[in-house]
């Protein structure tokens, strides 16, 4: 619902991309795990995979690790190709006062569902149309409720 890298409200998919840089006897690796939109999936797949293909294999352990990371990245990327593209009008959701006012009557219901360990996305998909807000705004409202409860 909300891309964890760019913050855009769009369809997302959980991915894990890995990058390796070999330096003869040591290596440097980096991972990206999260729910990303199609644009960010595309961006990070190419960024991480090109590093693996160019300097990822330059080391003893890296000769084994870089191909594994590259195959992992490729499989995860191919599984995301059917994901809907990010709409041109997609933007970061904002928790406006109007959205807060629309969601406040549902606060008790949201808290009960969170206590029952229901996922944010399920709650957001169901409550958003009833309140006239976007699912991203519901998720921001849930995060605000959680932050307020910790004080």
N, C-alpha and C. Protein backbone atom coordinates (compact mmCIF):
# COMPACT_ATOMS: atom_id res chain seq x y z
N UNK A 1 0.80 -1.20 0.00
CA UNK A 1 0.00 0.00 0.00
C UNK A 1 0.85 1.26 0.00
N UNK A 2 1.83 1.30 0.88
CA UNK A 2 2.76 2.43 0.91
C UNK A 2 4.16 1.86 0.71
N UNK A 3 4.83 2.32 -0.32
CA UNK A 3 6.19 1.85 -0.61
C UNK A 3 7.11 2.27 0.52
N UNK A 4 7.90 1.34 1.02
CA UNK A 4 8.77 1.62 2.14
C UNK A 4 10.04 2.38 1.76
N UNK A 5 10.28 2.58 0.49
CA UNK A 5 11.45 3.36 0.11
C UNK A 5 11.09 4.77 -0.36
N UNK A 6 10.06 4.89 -1.19
CA UNK A 6 9.70 6.22 -1.71
C UNK A 6 8.48 6.83 -1.02
N UNK A 7 7.71 6.02 -0.30
CA UNK A 7 6.55 6.53 0.43
C UNK A 7 5.31 6.74 -0.40
N UNK A 8 5.35 6.39 -1.67
CA UNK A 8 4.19 6.56 -2.55
C UNK A 8 3.12 5.54 -2.19
N UNK A 9 1.86 5.96 -2.29
CA UNK A 9 0.75 5.04 -2.07
C UNK A 9 0.44 4.35 -3.39
N UNK A 10 0.82 3.08 -3.46
CA UNK A 10 0.62 2.28 -4.67
C UNK A 10 0.67 0.81 -4.27
N UNK A 11 0.35 -0.07 -5.20
CA UNK A 11 0.45 -1.50 -4.94
C UNK A 11 1.92 -1.82 -4.66
N UNK A 12 2.12 -2.65 -3.65
CA UNK A 12 3.48 -3.02 -3.26
C UNK A 12 3.62 -4.54 -3.21
N UNK A 13 4.85 -4.96 -3.14
CA UNK A 13 5.16 -6.39 -3.02
C UNK A 13 6.40 -6.51 -2.14
N UNK A 14 6.41 -7.53 -1.31
CA UNK A 14 7.59 -7.75 -0.46
C UNK A 14 8.73 -8.33 -1.30
N UNK A 15 9.87 -7.70 -1.23
CA UNK A 15 11.06 -8.18 -1.95
C UNK A 15 12.27 -8.13 -1.03
N UNK A 16 13.27 -8.89 -1.41
CA UNK A 16 14.57 -8.87 -0.72
C UNK A 16 15.64 -8.90 -1.80
N UNK A 17 16.37 -7.79 -1.93
CA UNK A 17 17.47 -7.73 -2.88
C UNK A 17 18.77 -7.68 -2.10
N UNK A 18 19.80 -8.32 -2.65
CA UNK A 18 21.11 -8.37 -1.99
C UNK A 18 22.20 -7.91 -2.96
N UNK A 19 23.20 -7.28 -2.39
CA UNK A 19 24.32 -6.78 -3.17
C UNK A 19 25.61 -7.21 -2.50
N UNK A 20 26.59 -7.57 -3.28
CA UNK A 20 27.90 -7.98 -2.77
C UNK A 20 28.98 -7.24 -3.54
N UNK A 21 29.98 -6.75 -2.79
CA UNK A 21 31.16 -6.15 -3.42
C UNK A 21 32.36 -6.94 -2.90
N UNK A 22 33.04 -7.59 -3.80
CA UNK A 22 34.21 -8.38 -3.42
C UNK A 22 35.46 -7.53 -3.44
N UNK A 23 36.32 -7.74 -2.44
CA UNK A 23 37.58 -7.01 -2.36
C UNK A 23 38.70 -7.99 -1.98
N UNK A 24 38.92 -8.94 -2.82
CA UNK A 24 39.92 -10.00 -2.67
C UNK A 24 39.73 -10.83 -1.41
N UNK A 25 40.12 -10.33 -0.24
CA UNK A 25 40.01 -11.15 0.97
C UNK A 25 38.86 -10.75 1.88
N UNK A 26 38.24 -9.63 1.61
CA UNK A 26 37.05 -9.24 2.37
C UNK A 26 35.93 -8.92 1.39
N UNK A 27 34.74 -8.79 1.92
CA UNK A 27 33.62 -8.44 1.05
C UNK A 27 32.68 -7.52 1.82
N UNK A 28 31.92 -6.76 1.07
CA UNK A 28 30.94 -5.84 1.63
C UNK A 28 29.59 -6.21 1.04
N UNK A 29 28.61 -6.39 1.92
CA UNK A 29 27.30 -6.71 1.38
C UNK A 29 26.25 -5.76 1.92
N UNK A 30 25.15 -5.69 1.20
CA UNK A 30 24.06 -4.80 1.56
C UNK A 30 22.77 -5.50 1.13
N UNK A 31 21.72 -5.32 1.92
CA UNK A 31 20.43 -5.91 1.60
C UNK A 31 19.34 -4.87 1.70
N UNK A 32 18.29 -5.08 0.95
CA UNK A 32 17.10 -4.24 1.00
C UNK A 32 15.91 -5.18 1.10
N UNK A 33 15.16 -5.06 2.18
CA UNK A 33 14.00 -5.91 2.41
C UNK A 33 12.83 -5.01 2.74
N UNK A 34 11.69 -5.27 2.10
CA UNK A 34 10.50 -4.50 2.42
C UNK A 34 9.45 -4.57 1.34
N UNK A 35 8.38 -3.84 1.57
CA UNK A 35 7.28 -3.74 0.61
C UNK A 35 7.54 -2.54 -0.29
N UNK A 36 7.82 -2.81 -1.55
CA UNK A 36 8.18 -1.77 -2.50
C UNK A 36 7.19 -1.70 -3.65
N UNK A 37 7.06 -0.51 -4.22
CA UNK A 37 6.24 -0.32 -5.42
C UNK A 37 7.03 -0.83 -6.63
N UNK A 38 6.35 -0.95 -7.75
CA UNK A 38 7.01 -1.50 -8.94
C UNK A 38 8.18 -0.64 -9.40
N UNK A 39 8.04 0.67 -9.30
CA UNK A 39 9.14 1.57 -9.71
C UNK A 39 10.39 1.34 -8.86
N UNK A 40 10.21 1.22 -7.55
CA UNK A 40 11.36 1.01 -6.66
C UNK A 40 11.93 -0.39 -6.82
N UNK A 41 11.07 -1.38 -7.07
CA UNK A 41 11.55 -2.73 -7.32
C UNK A 41 12.47 -2.72 -8.53
N UNK A 42 12.03 -2.07 -9.59
CA UNK A 42 12.82 -1.98 -10.80
C UNK A 42 14.16 -1.27 -10.52
N UNK A 43 14.09 -0.15 -9.86
CA UNK A 43 15.29 0.66 -9.56
C UNK A 43 16.31 -0.14 -8.75
N UNK A 44 15.86 -0.74 -7.64
CA UNK A 44 16.79 -1.42 -6.75
C UNK A 44 17.27 -2.76 -7.32
N UNK A 45 16.43 -3.44 -8.11
CA UNK A 45 16.89 -4.67 -8.76
C UNK A 45 18.11 -4.35 -9.63
N UNK A 46 17.98 -3.36 -10.50
CA UNK A 46 19.08 -3.05 -11.40
C UNK A 46 20.30 -2.52 -10.66
N UNK A 47 20.07 -1.68 -9.66
CA UNK A 47 21.19 -1.12 -8.90
C UNK A 47 21.98 -2.24 -8.21
N UNK A 48 21.31 -3.11 -7.47
CA UNK A 48 21.99 -4.17 -6.73
C UNK A 48 22.58 -5.22 -7.66
N UNK A 49 21.84 -5.60 -8.68
CA UNK A 49 22.29 -6.68 -9.56
C UNK A 49 23.48 -6.24 -10.42
N UNK A 50 23.49 -5.01 -10.89
CA UNK A 50 24.64 -4.54 -11.69
C UNK A 50 25.91 -4.48 -10.85
N UNK A 51 25.78 -4.13 -9.58
CA UNK A 51 26.96 -4.15 -8.69
C UNK A 51 27.47 -5.60 -8.56
N UNK A 52 26.53 -6.53 -8.36
CA UNK A 52 26.92 -7.95 -8.26
C UNK A 52 27.66 -8.42 -9.51
N UNK A 53 27.16 -8.03 -10.67
CA UNK A 53 27.74 -8.50 -11.92
C UNK A 53 29.09 -7.85 -12.25
N UNK A 54 29.29 -6.62 -11.77
CA UNK A 54 30.54 -5.94 -12.11
C UNK A 54 31.64 -6.16 -11.07
N UNK A 55 31.37 -5.89 -9.81
CA UNK A 55 32.42 -6.02 -8.78
C UNK A 55 32.04 -6.99 -7.67
N UNK A 56 30.91 -7.63 -7.82
CA UNK A 56 30.45 -8.55 -6.79
C UNK A 56 31.26 -9.81 -6.65
N UNK A 57 31.91 -10.24 -7.69
CA UNK A 57 32.61 -11.52 -7.71
C UNK A 57 34.11 -11.42 -7.42
N UNK A 58 34.61 -10.21 -7.11
CA UNK A 58 36.06 -9.99 -6.96
C UNK A 58 36.58 -10.40 -5.58
N UNK A 59 36.57 -11.66 -5.31
CA UNK A 59 37.07 -12.17 -4.04
C UNK A 59 36.83 -13.66 -3.94
N UNK A 60 37.46 -14.29 -2.98
CA UNK A 60 37.37 -15.74 -2.85
C UNK A 60 35.94 -16.16 -2.50
N UNK A 61 35.42 -15.65 -1.41
CA UNK A 61 34.04 -15.98 -1.00
C UNK A 61 33.05 -15.35 -1.97
N UNK A 62 33.37 -14.20 -2.48
CA UNK A 62 32.48 -13.49 -3.39
C UNK A 62 32.23 -14.25 -4.69
N UNK A 63 33.16 -15.10 -5.10
CA UNK A 63 32.95 -15.92 -6.29
C UNK A 63 31.73 -16.83 -6.14
N UNK A 64 31.42 -17.19 -4.90
CA UNK A 64 30.26 -18.04 -4.62
C UNK A 64 29.03 -17.18 -4.29
N UNK A 65 29.23 -16.16 -3.48
CA UNK A 65 28.11 -15.35 -2.98
C UNK A 65 27.45 -14.51 -4.07
N UNK A 66 28.24 -13.86 -4.91
CA UNK A 66 27.68 -12.96 -5.93
C UNK A 66 26.72 -13.66 -6.89
N UNK A 67 27.03 -14.84 -7.40
CA UNK A 67 26.06 -15.52 -8.27
C UNK A 67 24.77 -15.90 -7.53
N UNK A 68 24.89 -16.29 -6.27
CA UNK A 68 23.69 -16.63 -5.48
C UNK A 68 22.82 -15.39 -5.30
N UNK A 69 23.45 -14.26 -4.95
CA UNK A 69 22.70 -13.01 -4.79
C UNK A 69 22.05 -12.59 -6.12
N UNK A 70 22.78 -12.75 -7.20
CA UNK A 70 22.26 -12.36 -8.51
C UNK A 70 21.05 -13.21 -8.89
N UNK A 71 21.14 -14.49 -8.66
CA UNK A 71 20.00 -15.38 -8.95
C UNK A 71 18.81 -15.03 -8.06
N UNK A 72 19.07 -14.80 -6.78
CA UNK A 72 18.01 -14.39 -5.86
C UNK A 72 17.31 -13.12 -6.37
N UNK A 73 18.10 -12.12 -6.72
CA UNK A 73 17.54 -10.86 -7.20
C UNK A 73 16.70 -11.07 -8.46
N UNK A 74 17.21 -11.88 -9.36
CA UNK A 74 16.51 -12.13 -10.62
C UNK A 74 15.17 -12.84 -10.38
N UNK A 75 15.17 -13.86 -9.55
CA UNK A 75 13.93 -14.59 -9.27
C UNK A 75 12.90 -13.67 -8.64
N UNK A 76 13.32 -12.89 -7.65
CA UNK A 76 12.38 -11.99 -6.97
C UNK A 76 11.87 -10.90 -7.92
N UNK A 77 12.72 -10.44 -8.80
CA UNK A 77 12.31 -9.43 -9.78
C UNK A 77 11.28 -10.01 -10.75
N UNK A 78 11.55 -11.20 -11.24
CA UNK A 78 10.63 -11.83 -12.19
C UNK A 78 9.26 -12.09 -11.55
N UNK A 79 9.24 -12.41 -10.27
CA UNK A 79 7.97 -12.63 -9.57
C UNK A 79 7.16 -11.34 -9.41
N UNK A 80 7.82 -10.21 -9.57
CA UNK A 80 7.14 -8.92 -9.40
C UNK A 80 6.71 -8.29 -10.71
N UNK A 81 7.01 -8.89 -11.83
CA UNK A 81 6.70 -8.28 -13.12
C UNK A 81 5.21 -8.08 -13.34
N UNK A 82 4.37 -8.90 -12.74
CA UNK A 82 2.93 -8.77 -12.91
C UNK A 82 2.31 -7.72 -12.00
N UNK A 83 3.11 -7.16 -11.10
CA UNK A 83 2.63 -6.11 -10.21
C UNK A 83 2.20 -4.90 -11.03
N UNK A 84 1.08 -4.30 -10.66
CA UNK A 84 0.58 -3.13 -11.39
C UNK A 84 1.59 -1.99 -11.33
N UNK A 85 1.76 -1.25 -12.42
CA UNK A 85 2.67 -0.11 -12.39
C UNK A 85 2.14 0.99 -11.47
N UNK A 86 3.03 1.83 -11.02
CA UNK A 86 2.64 2.94 -10.16
C UNK A 86 1.87 3.95 -11.01
N UNK A 87 0.66 4.32 -10.58
CA UNK A 87 -0.11 5.30 -11.36
C UNK A 87 0.62 6.64 -11.42
N UNK A 88 0.45 7.34 -12.52
CA UNK A 88 1.12 8.62 -12.71
C UNK A 88 0.73 9.64 -11.64
N UNK A 89 -0.48 9.50 -11.10
CA UNK A 89 -0.97 10.46 -10.10
C UNK A 89 -0.66 10.03 -8.67
N UNK A 90 0.04 8.91 -8.51
CA UNK A 90 0.35 8.40 -7.17
C UNK A 90 1.21 9.41 -6.42
N UNK A 91 0.92 9.53 -5.13
CA UNK A 91 1.69 10.45 -4.29
C UNK A 91 1.75 9.91 -2.88
N UNK A 92 2.53 10.57 -2.05
CA UNK A 92 2.64 10.19 -0.65
C UNK A 92 1.34 10.56 0.06
N UNK A 93 0.78 9.66 0.84
CA UNK A 93 -0.44 10.00 1.57
C UNK A 93 -0.13 11.01 2.68
N UNK A 94 -1.11 11.83 2.97
CA UNK A 94 -0.97 12.82 4.05
C UNK A 94 -2.11 12.63 5.02
N UNK A 95 -1.80 12.69 6.29
CA UNK A 95 -2.82 12.57 7.32
C UNK A 95 -3.34 13.97 7.64
N UNK A 96 -4.36 14.39 6.92
CA UNK A 96 -4.94 15.72 7.08
C UNK A 96 -5.94 15.71 8.24
N UNK A 97 -6.30 16.89 8.69
CA UNK A 97 -7.30 16.99 9.77
C UNK A 97 -8.63 16.42 9.30
N UNK A 98 -8.95 16.60 8.04
CA UNK A 98 -10.20 16.04 7.49
C UNK A 98 -10.17 14.51 7.57
N UNK A 99 -9.05 13.89 7.27
CA UNK A 99 -8.93 12.43 7.35
C UNK A 99 -9.02 11.98 8.80
N UNK A 100 -8.37 12.70 9.70
CA UNK A 100 -8.43 12.37 11.13
C UNK A 100 -9.88 12.41 11.61
N UNK A 101 -10.60 13.46 11.25
CA UNK A 101 -12.00 13.60 11.66
C UNK A 101 -12.85 12.45 11.12
N UNK A 102 -12.57 12.02 9.90
CA UNK A 102 -13.34 10.92 9.29
C UNK A 102 -13.01 9.58 9.96
N UNK A 103 -11.77 9.42 10.43
CA UNK A 103 -11.33 8.14 11.01
C UNK A 103 -11.59 8.01 12.50
N UNK A 104 -11.74 9.13 13.21
CA UNK A 104 -11.91 9.08 14.66
C UNK A 104 -13.07 8.19 15.12
N UNK A 105 -14.23 8.21 14.45
CA UNK A 105 -15.30 7.31 14.90
C UNK A 105 -14.95 5.82 14.80
N UNK A 106 -13.93 5.49 14.04
CA UNK A 106 -13.52 4.10 13.86
C UNK A 106 -12.33 3.71 14.74
N UNK A 107 -11.87 4.62 15.58
CA UNK A 107 -10.68 4.38 16.41
C UNK A 107 -10.82 3.13 17.26
N UNK A 108 -11.96 2.98 17.94
CA UNK A 108 -12.18 1.82 18.80
C UNK A 108 -12.10 0.52 17.99
N UNK A 109 -12.74 0.52 16.83
CA UNK A 109 -12.73 -0.66 15.97
C UNK A 109 -11.31 -0.97 15.51
N UNK A 110 -10.57 0.05 15.15
CA UNK A 110 -9.18 -0.13 14.69
C UNK A 110 -8.33 -0.74 15.81
N UNK A 111 -8.47 -0.20 17.02
CA UNK A 111 -7.68 -0.69 18.16
C UNK A 111 -8.02 -2.15 18.46
N UNK A 112 -9.29 -2.50 18.42
CA UNK A 112 -9.70 -3.89 18.66
C UNK A 112 -9.08 -4.82 17.62
N UNK A 113 -9.11 -4.40 16.39
CA UNK A 113 -8.57 -5.23 15.32
C UNK A 113 -7.04 -5.35 15.41
N UNK A 114 -6.39 -4.27 15.82
CA UNK A 114 -4.95 -4.33 16.02
C UNK A 114 -4.61 -5.27 17.18
N UNK A 115 -5.40 -5.20 18.25
CA UNK A 115 -5.18 -6.10 19.40
C UNK A 115 -5.41 -7.55 19.01
N UNK A 116 -6.25 -7.79 18.02
CA UNK A 116 -6.49 -9.15 17.52
C UNK A 116 -5.42 -9.56 16.50
N UNK A 117 -4.41 -8.71 16.35
CA UNK A 117 -3.27 -8.96 15.46
C UNK A 117 -3.64 -8.99 13.97
N UNK A 118 -4.65 -8.24 13.62
CA UNK A 118 -5.01 -8.13 12.21
C UNK A 118 -4.03 -7.18 11.53
N UNK A 119 -3.69 -7.46 10.31
CA UNK A 119 -2.71 -6.66 9.57
C UNK A 119 -3.22 -5.28 9.21
N UNK A 120 -2.29 -4.33 9.15
CA UNK A 120 -2.62 -2.94 8.79
C UNK A 120 -3.36 -2.87 7.46
N UNK A 121 -2.85 -3.62 6.48
CA UNK A 121 -3.43 -3.52 5.14
C UNK A 121 -4.88 -3.98 5.10
N UNK A 122 -5.21 -5.06 5.81
CA UNK A 122 -6.59 -5.51 5.84
C UNK A 122 -7.51 -4.46 6.47
N UNK A 123 -7.04 -3.89 7.56
CA UNK A 123 -7.83 -2.85 8.23
C UNK A 123 -8.01 -1.66 7.30
N UNK A 124 -6.93 -1.24 6.67
CA UNK A 124 -6.97 -0.06 5.80
C UNK A 124 -7.88 -0.28 4.60
N UNK A 125 -7.79 -1.45 3.98
CA UNK A 125 -8.62 -1.73 2.80
C UNK A 125 -10.10 -1.71 3.13
N UNK A 126 -10.46 -2.16 4.33
CA UNK A 126 -11.87 -2.21 4.69
C UNK A 126 -12.40 -0.86 5.18
N UNK A 127 -11.61 -0.15 5.96
CA UNK A 127 -12.10 1.08 6.58
C UNK A 127 -12.02 2.28 5.63
N UNK A 128 -11.03 2.34 4.78
CA UNK A 128 -10.84 3.52 3.91
C UNK A 128 -12.09 3.88 3.11
N UNK A 129 -12.72 2.95 2.40
CA UNK A 129 -13.90 3.34 1.62
C UNK A 129 -15.07 3.80 2.49
N UNK A 130 -15.16 3.25 3.68
CA UNK A 130 -16.25 3.64 4.59
C UNK A 130 -16.07 5.05 5.12
N UNK A 131 -14.82 5.51 5.17
CA UNK A 131 -14.53 6.85 5.71
C UNK A 131 -14.30 7.90 4.62
N UNK A 132 -14.13 7.46 3.40
CA UNK A 132 -13.85 8.40 2.32
C UNK A 132 -12.41 8.89 2.32
N UNK A 133 -11.50 8.03 2.80
CA UNK A 133 -10.08 8.36 2.80
C UNK A 133 -9.34 7.27 2.02
N UNK A 134 -8.06 7.47 1.82
CA UNK A 134 -7.27 6.45 1.11
C UNK A 134 -6.74 5.43 2.11
N UNK A 135 -6.43 4.21 1.66
CA UNK A 135 -5.83 3.22 2.56
C UNK A 135 -4.52 3.72 3.19
N UNK A 136 -3.77 4.50 2.45
CA UNK A 136 -2.53 5.06 3.00
C UNK A 136 -2.79 5.99 4.17
N UNK A 137 -3.87 6.75 4.11
CA UNK A 137 -4.22 7.63 5.22
C UNK A 137 -4.63 6.83 6.45
N UNK A 138 -5.30 5.71 6.23
CA UNK A 138 -5.67 4.84 7.35
C UNK A 138 -4.41 4.30 8.01
N UNK A 139 -3.43 3.87 7.22
CA UNK A 139 -2.19 3.35 7.78
C UNK A 139 -1.46 4.44 8.57
N UNK A 140 -1.43 5.66 8.05
CA UNK A 140 -0.81 6.76 8.80
C UNK A 140 -1.56 7.02 10.10
N UNK A 141 -2.87 6.91 10.07
CA UNK A 141 -3.68 7.10 11.27
C UNK A 141 -3.38 6.00 12.30
N UNK A 142 -3.25 4.77 11.83
CA UNK A 142 -2.91 3.66 12.72
C UNK A 142 -1.55 3.91 13.37
N UNK A 143 -0.58 4.36 12.58
CA UNK A 143 0.75 4.66 13.13
C UNK A 143 0.67 5.77 14.17
N UNK A 144 -0.17 6.77 13.91
CA UNK A 144 -0.35 7.87 14.88
C UNK A 144 -0.99 7.36 16.16
N UNK A 145 -1.97 6.46 16.05
CA UNK A 145 -2.59 5.87 17.24
C UNK A 145 -1.57 5.10 18.06
N UNK A 146 -0.73 4.34 17.40
CA UNK A 146 0.29 3.55 18.10
C UNK A 146 1.29 4.47 18.80
N UNK A 147 1.70 5.53 18.11
CA UNK A 147 2.65 6.48 18.73
C UNK A 147 2.02 7.16 19.94
N UNK A 148 0.74 7.52 19.83
CA UNK A 148 0.04 8.18 20.94
C UNK A 148 -0.10 7.23 22.12
N UNK A 149 -0.29 5.95 21.88
CA UNK A 149 -0.46 4.98 22.97
C UNK A 149 0.85 4.74 23.71
N UNK A 150 1.97 5.01 23.08
CA UNK A 150 3.29 4.79 23.71
C UNK A 150 3.71 5.93 24.62
N UNK A 151 3.02 7.04 24.53
CA UNK A 151 3.40 8.21 25.35
C UNK A 151 2.93 8.07 26.76
